[in-house]
N, C-alpha and C. Protein backbone atom coordinates (compact mmCIF):
# COMPACT_ATOMS: atom_id res chain seq x y z
N MET A 1 1.21 -0.85 0.24
CA MET A 1 0.13 0.15 0.18
C MET A 1 0.69 1.54 -0.17
N ASN A 2 0.72 2.37 -1.38
CA ASN A 2 1.35 3.50 -0.74
C ASN A 2 0.80 4.27 0.53
N ARG A 3 1.61 5.39 0.96
CA ARG A 3 1.35 6.20 1.58
C ARG A 3 0.26 6.91 1.51
N LYS A 4 -0.39 7.53 0.36
CA LYS A 4 -1.52 8.19 0.47
C LYS A 4 -3.20 6.95 0.66
N ALA A 5 -2.54 6.09 -0.09
CA ALA A 5 -3.75 4.93 0.39
C ALA A 5 -3.29 4.78 1.78
N THR A 6 -2.40 3.95 2.92
CA THR A 6 -2.39 4.25 4.13
C THR A 6 -2.97 5.32 4.47
N LEU A 7 -2.98 6.75 4.50
CA LEU A 7 -3.32 8.11 4.88
C LEU A 7 -4.74 7.65 5.22
N ARG A 8 -5.70 7.01 3.81
CA ARG A 8 -7.24 7.85 3.31
C ARG A 8 -7.27 6.22 4.70
N THR A 9 -6.90 5.69 4.42
CA THR A 9 -7.34 4.18 5.21
C THR A 9 -7.45 5.25 6.46
N THR A 10 -6.20 5.36 7.30
CA THR A 10 -6.37 5.85 8.59
C THR A 10 -7.26 6.87 9.44
N LEU A 11 -7.27 7.79 8.51
CA LEU A 11 -8.34 9.13 8.19
C LEU A 11 -9.48 8.01 8.01
N ALA A 12 -9.38 7.43 7.51
CA ALA A 12 -11.08 6.97 7.60
C ALA A 12 -12.10 6.11 8.50
N ALA A 13 -10.46 5.29 9.34
CA ALA A 13 -10.72 4.50 10.47
C ALA A 13 -11.09 5.83 11.79
N ALA A 14 -10.47 7.00 11.47
CA ALA A 14 -10.55 7.24 12.87
C ALA A 14 -11.64 7.98 12.94
N LEU A 15 -12.34 8.31 11.37
CA LEU A 15 -13.53 9.70 11.74
C LEU A 15 -14.42 8.06 11.98
N ILE A 16 -14.43 7.29 11.19
CA ILE A 16 -15.95 6.50 11.73
C ILE A 16 -15.35 6.07 13.43
N ALA A 17 -14.07 6.14 14.26
CA ALA A 17 -13.99 5.81 15.16
C ALA A 17 -14.83 6.97 16.47
N THR A 18 -14.94 8.28 15.84
CA THR A 18 -15.46 9.14 16.28
C THR A 18 -17.07 9.22 16.19
N LEU A 19 -17.61 8.81 15.26
CA LEU A 19 -19.12 8.62 15.12
C LEU A 19 -19.44 8.21 16.13
N PRO A 20 -20.91 8.39 16.97
CA PRO A 20 -20.86 7.58 18.49
C PRO A 20 -21.90 6.97 17.72
N LEU A 21 -22.17 5.74 18.47
CA LEU A 21 -22.62 4.03 18.02
C LEU A 21 -23.71 4.10 17.75
N GLY A 22 -24.22 5.02 18.62
CA GLY A 22 -26.19 5.52 17.96
C GLY A 22 -26.00 5.89 16.84
N ALA A 23 -25.16 6.36 15.73
CA ALA A 23 -25.27 7.05 14.68
C ALA A 23 -25.07 5.74 13.72
N LEU A 24 -24.10 5.07 13.85
CA LEU A 24 -23.61 3.93 13.11
C LEU A 24 -24.60 3.01 13.25
N ALA A 25 -25.25 2.83 14.43
CA ALA A 25 -26.64 1.71 14.11
C ALA A 25 -27.68 2.04 13.29
N GLN A 26 -27.61 3.59 13.59
CA GLN A 26 -28.84 4.29 13.14
C GLN A 26 -28.64 4.54 11.19
N THR A 27 -27.53 4.82 11.06
CA THR A 27 -27.61 4.65 9.51
C THR A 27 -27.37 3.15 9.08
N GLU A 28 -26.74 2.06 9.68
CA GLU A 28 -27.19 0.85 9.13
C GLU A 28 -28.08 0.45 8.87
N ALA A 29 -28.78 0.54 10.20
CA ALA A 29 -30.21 -0.07 10.15
C ALA A 29 -31.50 0.05 8.94
N ALA A 30 -31.77 2.01 8.63
CA ALA A 30 -32.07 2.52 8.43
C ALA A 30 -31.47 1.88 6.38
N SER A 31 -30.01 1.70 6.45
CA SER A 31 -29.64 1.51 5.65
C SER A 31 -30.16 -0.16 5.12
N THR A 32 -29.89 -1.08 5.90
CA THR A 32 -30.24 -2.30 5.46
C THR A 32 -31.81 -2.34 5.41
N THR A 33 -32.35 -1.80 5.80
CA THR A 33 -34.47 -1.47 6.43
C THR A 33 -34.53 -0.77 4.99
N MET A 34 -33.97 0.57 4.64
CA MET A 34 -34.66 0.93 2.97
C MET A 34 -33.72 -0.42 1.97
N ALA A 35 -32.82 -0.66 1.68
CA ALA A 35 -32.63 -1.53 1.14
C ALA A 35 -33.80 -3.37 0.99
N ASN A 36 -33.88 -3.59 1.94
CA ASN A 36 -35.14 -4.43 1.41
C ASN A 36 -36.11 -3.99 0.92
N ASP A 37 -36.40 -6.03 0.69
CA ASP A 37 -37.58 -5.24 -0.36
C ASP A 37 -39.38 -5.08 0.48
N LEU A 38 -39.28 -4.79 1.85
CA LEU A 38 -40.42 -4.39 2.49
C LEU A 38 -41.19 -3.08 1.58
N ALA A 39 -42.37 -2.99 1.46
CA ALA A 39 -43.50 -2.17 1.14
C ALA A 39 -43.02 -1.00 2.16
N PRO A 40 -43.38 -0.03 1.05
CA PRO A 40 -42.56 1.42 2.40
C PRO A 40 -43.57 1.64 3.36
N VAL A 41 -44.76 0.86 3.52
CA VAL A 41 -45.65 0.70 5.16
C VAL A 41 -45.09 0.44 5.70
N ASP A 42 -44.15 -1.38 5.38
CA ASP A 42 -43.78 -1.88 6.36
C ASP A 42 -42.43 -1.07 6.58
N LYS A 43 -41.73 -0.60 6.03
CA LYS A 43 -40.50 -0.04 6.55
C LYS A 43 -40.42 1.45 6.99
N ALA A 44 -41.73 2.00 7.11
CA ALA A 44 -42.62 2.96 7.89
C ALA A 44 -42.41 2.52 9.63
N PHE A 45 -43.22 1.55 8.67
CA PHE A 45 -43.37 0.51 10.52
C PHE A 45 -42.70 0.43 11.16
N VAL A 46 -41.27 0.23 10.61
CA VAL A 46 -40.68 -0.84 11.10
C VAL A 46 -39.46 0.40 11.66
N GLN A 47 -39.20 1.48 11.18
CA GLN A 47 -38.89 2.41 12.05
C GLN A 47 -39.53 3.30 12.64
N ALA A 48 -40.63 3.67 12.29
CA ALA A 48 -41.33 4.94 13.43
C ALA A 48 -41.42 3.27 14.71
N ALA A 49 -41.82 2.45 14.80
CA ALA A 49 -42.26 1.19 16.09
C ALA A 49 -40.68 1.18 17.09
N SER A 50 -39.37 0.87 16.18
CA SER A 50 -37.97 1.06 16.83
C SER A 50 -37.94 2.05 17.45
N SER A 51 -38.00 3.07 16.39
CA SER A 51 -37.85 4.70 17.33
C SER A 51 -38.74 5.25 18.47
N SER A 52 -39.69 4.57 18.42
CA SER A 52 -41.15 4.72 19.40
C SER A 52 -40.22 3.95 20.85
N GLY A 53 -39.77 2.64 20.43
CA GLY A 53 -39.50 1.67 21.70
C GLY A 53 -38.32 1.99 21.95
N SER A 54 -37.57 3.03 21.43
CA SER A 54 -35.98 3.04 22.14
C SER A 54 -36.29 4.41 22.66
N THR A 55 -37.17 5.20 21.99
CA THR A 55 -37.97 7.02 22.66
C THR A 55 -38.19 6.10 23.94
N GLU A 56 -39.10 4.93 24.62
CA GLU A 56 -39.34 5.31 25.52
C GLU A 56 -38.63 4.74 26.46
N ILE A 57 -37.92 3.99 26.14
CA ILE A 57 -36.92 2.97 26.88
C ILE A 57 -36.31 4.16 27.66
N ASP A 58 -35.57 4.96 26.49
CA ASP A 58 -34.41 6.05 26.99
C ASP A 58 -34.70 7.13 28.02
N ALA A 59 -36.49 7.97 27.82
CA ALA A 59 -37.38 8.58 28.39
C ALA A 59 -37.60 7.56 29.57
N ALA A 60 -37.52 6.73 29.96
CA ALA A 60 -38.30 5.83 30.94
C ALA A 60 -36.96 5.23 32.07
N LYS A 61 -36.00 5.70 31.19
CA LYS A 61 -34.36 5.93 32.55
C LYS A 61 -34.40 6.91 33.51
N LEU A 62 -34.23 8.13 31.71
CA LEU A 62 -33.78 9.44 32.55
C LEU A 62 -35.19 9.91 33.67
N ALA A 63 -36.59 9.33 33.87
CA ALA A 63 -38.09 9.46 34.36
C ALA A 63 -37.16 9.13 35.59
N THR A 64 -36.66 7.55 35.66
CA THR A 64 -36.49 7.03 37.24
C THR A 64 -35.26 7.43 38.01
N LYS A 65 -34.43 8.88 37.24
CA LYS A 65 -32.93 9.77 38.04
C LYS A 65 -33.69 10.90 38.17
N GLN A 66 -34.96 11.96 36.62
CA GLN A 66 -34.94 12.79 37.49
C GLN A 66 -36.53 13.14 37.36
N SER A 67 -37.46 12.29 37.93
CA SER A 67 -38.62 12.64 38.61
C SER A 67 -38.27 12.32 40.59
N GLN A 68 -39.15 13.26 41.11
CA GLN A 68 -39.38 12.30 42.36
C GLN A 68 -40.67 12.09 42.66
N ASP A 69 -41.79 12.36 41.46
CA ASP A 69 -42.70 11.33 41.54
C ASP A 69 -43.36 10.15 41.55
N LYS A 70 -43.27 9.72 42.63
CA LYS A 70 -43.81 7.76 42.59
C LYS A 70 -44.39 7.45 41.28
N ASP A 71 -45.57 8.17 41.04
CA ASP A 71 -46.41 7.50 40.06
C ASP A 71 -46.00 7.82 38.60
N VAL A 72 -44.76 8.92 38.57
CA VAL A 72 -43.99 8.78 37.22
C VAL A 72 -43.12 7.95 37.56
N LYS A 73 -42.66 7.70 38.39
CA LYS A 73 -41.50 6.47 38.08
C LYS A 73 -42.36 5.58 37.99
N SER A 74 -43.70 4.99 38.54
CA SER A 74 -44.38 3.45 38.85
C SER A 74 -44.40 3.57 37.24
N PHE A 75 -45.38 4.83 36.64
CA PHE A 75 -45.37 4.95 34.97
C PHE A 75 -43.51 4.28 34.00
N ALA A 76 -43.06 5.44 34.08
CA ALA A 76 -41.98 5.00 33.51
C ALA A 76 -41.13 3.75 33.67
N HIS A 77 -41.55 2.65 34.70
CA HIS A 77 -40.57 1.21 35.40
C HIS A 77 -41.82 0.17 34.32
N HIS A 78 -43.07 0.82 34.42
CA HIS A 78 -43.99 -0.13 32.98
C HIS A 78 -43.87 0.27 31.29
N MET A 79 -43.28 1.65 31.06
CA MET A 79 -43.19 1.52 30.13
C MET A 79 -41.61 1.07 29.85
N MET A 80 -40.76 0.91 30.45
CA MET A 80 -39.57 0.52 29.88
C MET A 80 -40.10 -0.96 29.75
N VAL A 81 -40.53 -1.95 30.70
CA VAL A 81 -40.73 -3.06 30.52
C VAL A 81 -41.21 -3.45 29.52
N ASP A 82 -42.31 -3.01 29.15
CA ASP A 82 -43.38 -3.24 28.30
C ASP A 82 -42.32 -2.88 27.08
N HIS A 83 -42.37 -2.30 26.68
CA HIS A 83 -41.66 -1.10 25.65
C HIS A 83 -40.08 -2.78 25.25
N THR A 84 -39.44 -2.98 25.99
CA THR A 84 -38.18 -3.65 25.86
C THR A 84 -39.19 -5.27 25.12
N LYS A 85 -40.09 -5.41 25.81
CA LYS A 85 -40.82 -7.04 25.35
C LYS A 85 -41.51 -7.11 23.71
N LEU A 86 -41.85 -5.72 23.57
CA LEU A 86 -42.71 -5.42 22.77
C LEU A 86 -41.23 -4.55 20.76
N THR A 87 -40.33 -4.26 21.74
CA THR A 87 -39.13 -4.49 20.19
C THR A 87 -38.34 -5.72 20.40
N MET A 88 -38.43 -6.85 21.27
CA MET A 88 -38.04 -8.25 21.42
C MET A 88 -38.84 -8.72 20.77
N GLN A 89 -40.26 -8.04 20.46
CA GLN A 89 -41.42 -9.17 19.48
C GLN A 89 -41.45 -8.28 17.85
N LEU A 90 -40.94 -6.89 17.54
CA LEU A 90 -40.91 -6.85 16.09
C LEU A 90 -39.38 -7.01 15.98
N LYS A 91 -38.35 -7.98 16.28
CA LYS A 91 -37.51 -8.08 15.86
C LYS A 91 -38.07 -9.30 15.49
N MET A 92 -38.17 -10.40 16.08
CA MET A 92 -38.72 -11.19 15.95
C MET A 92 -39.62 -11.65 14.84
N ALA A 93 -40.79 -10.18 14.44
CA ALA A 93 -41.58 -10.37 13.36
C ALA A 93 -40.72 -10.02 12.08
N ALA A 94 -39.89 -9.27 12.32
CA ALA A 94 -38.84 -8.50 11.01
C ALA A 94 -38.17 -9.45 10.48
N PRO A 95 -38.54 -9.60 9.14
CA PRO A 95 -37.93 -10.50 7.81
C PRO A 95 -36.90 -10.50 7.55
N HIS A 96 -35.86 -11.26 7.41
CA HIS A 96 -34.73 -12.27 7.13
C HIS A 96 -33.93 -10.46 5.83
N GLY A 97 -32.95 -10.00 7.07
CA GLY A 97 -32.42 -9.08 6.25
C GLY A 97 -32.74 -7.21 6.91
N VAL A 98 -34.05 -7.61 7.74
CA VAL A 98 -34.47 -6.33 7.83
C VAL A 98 -33.82 -6.28 9.82
N THR A 99 -32.92 -5.01 9.55
CA THR A 99 -32.70 -4.54 11.18
C THR A 99 -33.80 -3.54 11.88
N VAL A 100 -34.13 -3.94 13.04
CA VAL A 100 -34.09 -3.07 13.97
C VAL A 100 -33.46 -2.89 14.51
N PRO A 101 -33.65 -1.30 14.66
CA PRO A 101 -32.64 -0.46 15.53
C PRO A 101 -32.65 -0.72 16.83
N LYS A 102 -31.43 -1.03 17.80
CA LYS A 102 -31.68 -1.01 18.86
C LYS A 102 -31.46 0.09 19.88
N ASP A 103 -30.64 1.08 19.02
CA ASP A 103 -31.61 2.26 20.05
C ASP A 103 -31.68 3.59 18.65
N ASN A 104 -32.27 3.90 18.37
CA ASN A 104 -33.08 4.42 17.33
C ASN A 104 -34.45 5.65 17.91
N SER A 105 -33.95 6.22 19.22
CA SER A 105 -34.43 7.02 19.82
C SER A 105 -34.12 8.43 19.22
N ASP A 106 -35.81 9.43 19.30
CA ASP A 106 -35.96 10.62 19.17
C ASP A 106 -35.06 11.29 20.32
N THR A 107 -33.57 11.79 19.75
CA THR A 107 -32.84 12.74 20.43
C THR A 107 -33.21 14.14 20.60
N SER A 108 -34.02 14.75 19.79
CA SER A 108 -34.96 15.60 20.29
C SER A 108 -35.79 15.86 21.35
N VAL A 109 -36.46 15.06 21.74
CA VAL A 109 -37.38 14.56 22.68
C VAL A 109 -36.50 14.19 23.46
N LEU A 110 -35.44 13.70 23.80
CA LEU A 110 -34.55 13.25 24.61
C LEU A 110 -33.75 14.44 25.18
N ASP A 111 -32.99 15.21 24.24
CA ASP A 111 -32.66 16.12 25.15
C ASP A 111 -33.50 17.09 25.16
N SER A 112 -34.62 17.36 24.97
CA SER A 112 -35.34 18.26 25.46
C SER A 112 -36.17 18.15 27.37
N LEU A 113 -35.71 16.45 27.47
CA LEU A 113 -35.79 16.17 28.73
C LEU A 113 -34.55 16.50 29.43
N LYS A 114 -33.17 16.27 29.18
CA LYS A 114 -32.67 15.91 30.11
C LYS A 114 -31.69 16.94 31.15
N PRO A 115 -32.46 18.37 29.96
CA PRO A 115 -31.72 19.48 31.75
C PRO A 115 -32.37 19.12 32.99
N LEU A 116 -34.11 19.05 32.92
CA LEU A 116 -35.06 19.42 32.97
C LEU A 116 -35.37 18.01 34.23
N HIS A 117 -35.77 18.53 35.57
CA HIS A 117 -35.74 17.97 36.96
C HIS A 117 -37.33 18.17 37.76
N GLY A 118 -37.83 17.12 38.77
CA GLY A 118 -38.56 17.27 39.19
C GLY A 118 -40.09 17.20 38.79
N LYS A 119 -40.83 18.82 39.20
CA LYS A 119 -42.13 18.66 38.26
C LYS A 119 -41.70 19.05 36.88
N ASP A 120 -40.85 19.80 36.15
CA ASP A 120 -40.91 19.75 35.50
C ASP A 120 -40.46 19.01 34.26
N PHE A 121 -39.63 18.00 34.80
CA PHE A 121 -39.44 17.09 33.68
C PHE A 121 -40.90 16.09 34.15
N ASP A 122 -41.22 15.89 35.19
CA ASP A 122 -42.62 15.05 34.64
C ASP A 122 -43.81 15.46 33.92
N THR A 123 -43.76 17.39 33.70
CA THR A 123 -45.30 17.90 33.11
C THR A 123 -44.52 17.21 31.68
N ALA A 124 -43.08 17.93 31.40
CA ALA A 124 -42.30 17.30 29.68
C ALA A 124 -42.60 16.09 29.37
N TYR A 125 -42.14 14.96 30.49
CA TYR A 125 -42.13 13.33 30.01
C TYR A 125 -43.46 12.90 29.83
N ILE A 126 -44.92 13.06 30.69
CA ILE A 126 -46.17 13.16 30.19
C ILE A 126 -46.72 13.30 29.40
N GLN A 127 -46.32 14.81 28.90
CA GLN A 127 -46.89 15.58 27.10
C GLN A 127 -46.19 14.46 26.50
N LYS A 128 -44.70 14.73 26.53
CA LYS A 128 -44.03 14.76 25.16
C LYS A 128 -43.99 13.15 25.09
N VAL A 129 -43.72 12.03 26.17
CA VAL A 129 -43.44 10.63 25.41
C VAL A 129 -44.57 10.06 25.95
N GLY A 130 -45.06 10.18 27.22
CA GLY A 130 -46.96 9.42 27.42
C GLY A 130 -47.96 9.72 26.91
N VAL A 131 -47.98 11.15 26.37
CA VAL A 131 -49.34 11.19 25.85
C VAL A 131 -49.56 11.33 24.04
N GLN A 132 -48.24 12.83 24.12
CA GLN A 132 -47.92 12.53 22.19
C GLN A 132 -47.41 11.18 21.46
N GLY A 133 -46.34 10.34 22.39
CA GLY A 133 -45.65 8.92 22.37
C GLY A 133 -46.39 9.16 21.95
N HIS A 134 -46.91 7.79 22.69
CA HIS A 134 -48.35 7.20 22.67
C HIS A 134 -49.24 7.31 21.81
N GLN A 135 -50.02 8.37 21.49
CA GLN A 135 -50.55 9.06 20.76
C GLN A 135 -49.92 8.37 18.75
N GLU A 136 -48.73 9.17 18.60
CA GLU A 136 -48.13 8.65 17.37
C GLU A 136 -48.01 7.47 17.64
N ALA A 137 -47.52 6.74 18.42
CA ALA A 137 -47.12 5.03 18.36
C ALA A 137 -48.73 4.33 18.02
N VAL A 138 -49.58 5.09 18.81
CA VAL A 138 -50.95 3.83 17.93
C VAL A 138 -51.58 4.60 16.20
N GLN A 139 -51.13 5.37 16.44
CA GLN A 139 -51.30 5.44 14.58
C GLN A 139 -50.49 4.76 13.87
N ALA A 140 -49.30 4.70 14.11
CA ALA A 140 -48.52 3.83 13.51
C ALA A 140 -49.01 2.56 13.54
N PHE A 141 -48.80 2.32 14.54
CA PHE A 141 -49.38 0.42 14.69
C PHE A 141 -50.24 0.07 13.80
N GLN A 142 -51.46 1.46 13.87
CA GLN A 142 -52.78 1.50 13.43
C GLN A 142 -52.84 1.09 11.72
N LYS A 143 -52.10 2.12 11.63
CA LYS A 143 -51.68 1.38 10.21
C LYS A 143 -50.89 0.51 9.57
N GLU A 144 -50.15 -0.29 10.48
CA GLU A 144 -49.59 -1.09 10.20
C GLU A 144 -50.78 -2.55 9.75
N ALA A 145 -51.22 -2.22 11.47
CA ALA A 145 -52.08 -3.27 11.26
C ALA A 145 -52.91 -3.39 10.24
N GLN A 146 -53.55 -2.30 9.57
CA GLN A 146 -54.95 -1.96 9.05
C GLN A 146 -54.16 -2.11 7.34
N GLU A 147 -52.89 -1.49 7.16
CA GLU A 147 -52.50 -1.51 5.42
C GLU A 147 -51.09 -2.22 5.48
N GLY A 148 -50.31 -3.27 6.51
CA GLY A 148 -49.27 -3.79 5.94
C GLY A 148 -49.21 -4.66 5.48
N GLN A 149 -48.14 -4.42 4.54
CA GLN A 149 -48.01 -6.27 3.49
C GLN A 149 -47.28 -7.15 3.54
N ASN A 150 -46.87 -7.19 4.84
CA ASN A 150 -45.59 -7.99 5.39
C ASN A 150 -46.14 -8.33 6.74
N ALA A 151 -46.88 -10.34 6.25
CA ALA A 151 -47.74 -10.95 7.26
C ALA A 151 -46.66 -11.13 8.66
N LYS A 152 -45.78 -11.09 9.26
CA LYS A 152 -45.02 -10.95 10.68
C LYS A 152 -45.61 -10.13 10.88
N LEU A 153 -45.30 -8.66 10.27
CA LEU A 153 -44.55 -7.30 10.97
C LEU A 153 -46.63 -6.88 10.84
N LYS A 154 -47.49 -7.17 10.33
CA LYS A 154 -48.86 -6.78 10.10
C LYS A 154 -49.43 -7.40 11.72
N GLN A 155 -48.86 -9.06 11.62
CA GLN A 155 -49.64 -9.12 12.79
C GLN A 155 -48.83 -9.17 14.17
N ALA A 156 -47.46 -8.98 14.39
CA ALA A 156 -47.31 -8.07 15.12
C ALA A 156 -47.72 -6.62 15.88
N ALA A 157 -48.11 -5.81 14.69
CA ALA A 157 -48.84 -4.97 15.18
C ALA A 157 -50.01 -4.71 15.71
N GLN A 158 -50.72 -5.39 14.54
CA GLN A 158 -51.96 -6.09 15.80
C GLN A 158 -51.80 -6.04 16.85
N LYS A 159 -50.96 -7.72 17.54
CA LYS A 159 -51.09 -8.38 18.63
C LYS A 159 -50.43 -7.22 19.36
N ALA A 160 -49.77 -6.24 19.03
CA ALA A 160 -49.00 -4.57 20.16
C ALA A 160 -49.71 -4.08 20.40
N LEU A 161 -51.18 -3.43 19.30
CA LEU A 161 -51.75 -2.72 19.68
C LEU A 161 -52.44 -2.55 21.12
N PRO A 162 -53.17 -3.29 21.55
CA PRO A 162 -53.68 -3.23 22.55
C PRO A 162 -52.91 -2.98 23.89
N THR A 163 -51.70 -2.67 23.76
CA THR A 163 -50.79 -2.91 25.10
C THR A 163 -50.32 -1.26 24.59
N ILE A 164 -50.05 -1.12 23.44
CA ILE A 164 -49.82 0.98 23.15
C ILE A 164 -50.94 1.61 23.21
N GLN A 165 -51.80 1.17 22.78
CA GLN A 165 -53.63 1.93 23.47
C GLN A 165 -53.67 1.94 24.82
N GLU A 166 -53.61 1.03 25.22
CA GLU A 166 -53.70 0.93 27.49
C GLU A 166 -52.05 2.23 27.49
N HIS A 167 -50.78 1.78 26.98
CA HIS A 167 -49.71 2.70 27.71
C HIS A 167 -50.42 4.43 27.23
N LEU A 168 -51.39 4.49 26.40
CA LEU A 168 -51.93 5.62 26.48
C LEU A 168 -52.86 5.85 27.02
N LYS A 169 -54.06 5.19 27.00
CA LYS A 169 -54.91 5.36 28.12
C LYS A 169 -53.77 5.79 29.96
N MET A 170 -52.59 5.07 29.79
CA MET A 170 -52.46 5.39 31.01
C MET A 170 -51.89 6.67 31.48
N ALA A 171 -50.54 6.76 30.29
CA ALA A 171 -50.13 8.40 30.45
C ALA A 171 -51.63 9.82 30.46
N GLN A 172 -52.70 9.04 29.59
CA GLN A 172 -54.07 9.99 29.78
C GLN A 172 -54.92 10.20 31.34
N ASP A 173 -54.55 9.01 32.10
CA ASP A 173 -54.93 8.82 33.60
C ASP A 173 -54.04 9.44 34.29
N LEU A 174 -52.38 8.90 33.78
CA LEU A 174 -51.04 10.25 34.85
C LEU A 174 -51.02 11.68 34.75
N ALA A 175 -51.24 12.51 33.41
CA ALA A 175 -51.75 13.72 32.75
C ALA A 175 -52.82 14.14 33.69
N ALA A 176 -53.99 13.21 33.54
CA ALA A 176 -55.11 14.32 34.53
C ALA A 176 -55.36 14.00 35.43
N LYS A 177 -53.96 13.09 36.47
CA LYS A 177 -53.82 13.27 37.92
C LYS A 177 -53.00 13.63 38.40
N LYS A 178 -52.04 14.22 37.41
CA LYS A 178 -51.03 15.24 37.33
C LYS A 178 -52.17 16.53 37.28
N GLY A 179 -52.78 16.71 36.88
CA GLY A 179 -52.65 17.87 35.85
C GLY A 179 -51.97 18.65 35.02
N VAL A 180 -51.56 17.48 34.56
CA VAL A 180 -51.03 17.85 32.51
C VAL A 180 -52.20 17.50 32.05
N GLN A 181 -51.46 19.31 30.84
CA GLN A 181 -52.66 19.95 29.73
C GLN A 181 -51.88 18.99 28.49
């Protein structure tokens, strides 16, 4: 190998090493999923469901540290357990060649929660992750359950939908209890 080729290889390796692992996982997962023969509705579902689940899990971890409210912490723990199971079910339903991202969180949501603590955190968490996040998830799972082209993904969405709907109801009940709009 000549000096220029060695230098290019070294620089490329250094650049890749500086990227966050989450970015590599998302890029790999998105390209693998997008390159697959899945119908667009199924591709969109895999991305939306994995992002929703990952965001729920990461936000719940934040809630265990940054909330002082036992109800919020209990809700967060429930979300962590259930969304971990739902992510595993999605991975098992995904066709060969489709990667379900492990860390595909919505960083804008997480970044908006990180500086908050106590009641400010609770309000934002309940609004953004609890209610809004589950409203979006219900829509994604309903769309896949109705329009999905891949039988396994469609069945997984149908099976998970009642759980996601129950999470939305739990979030709405928590919002009402805590006076969160």
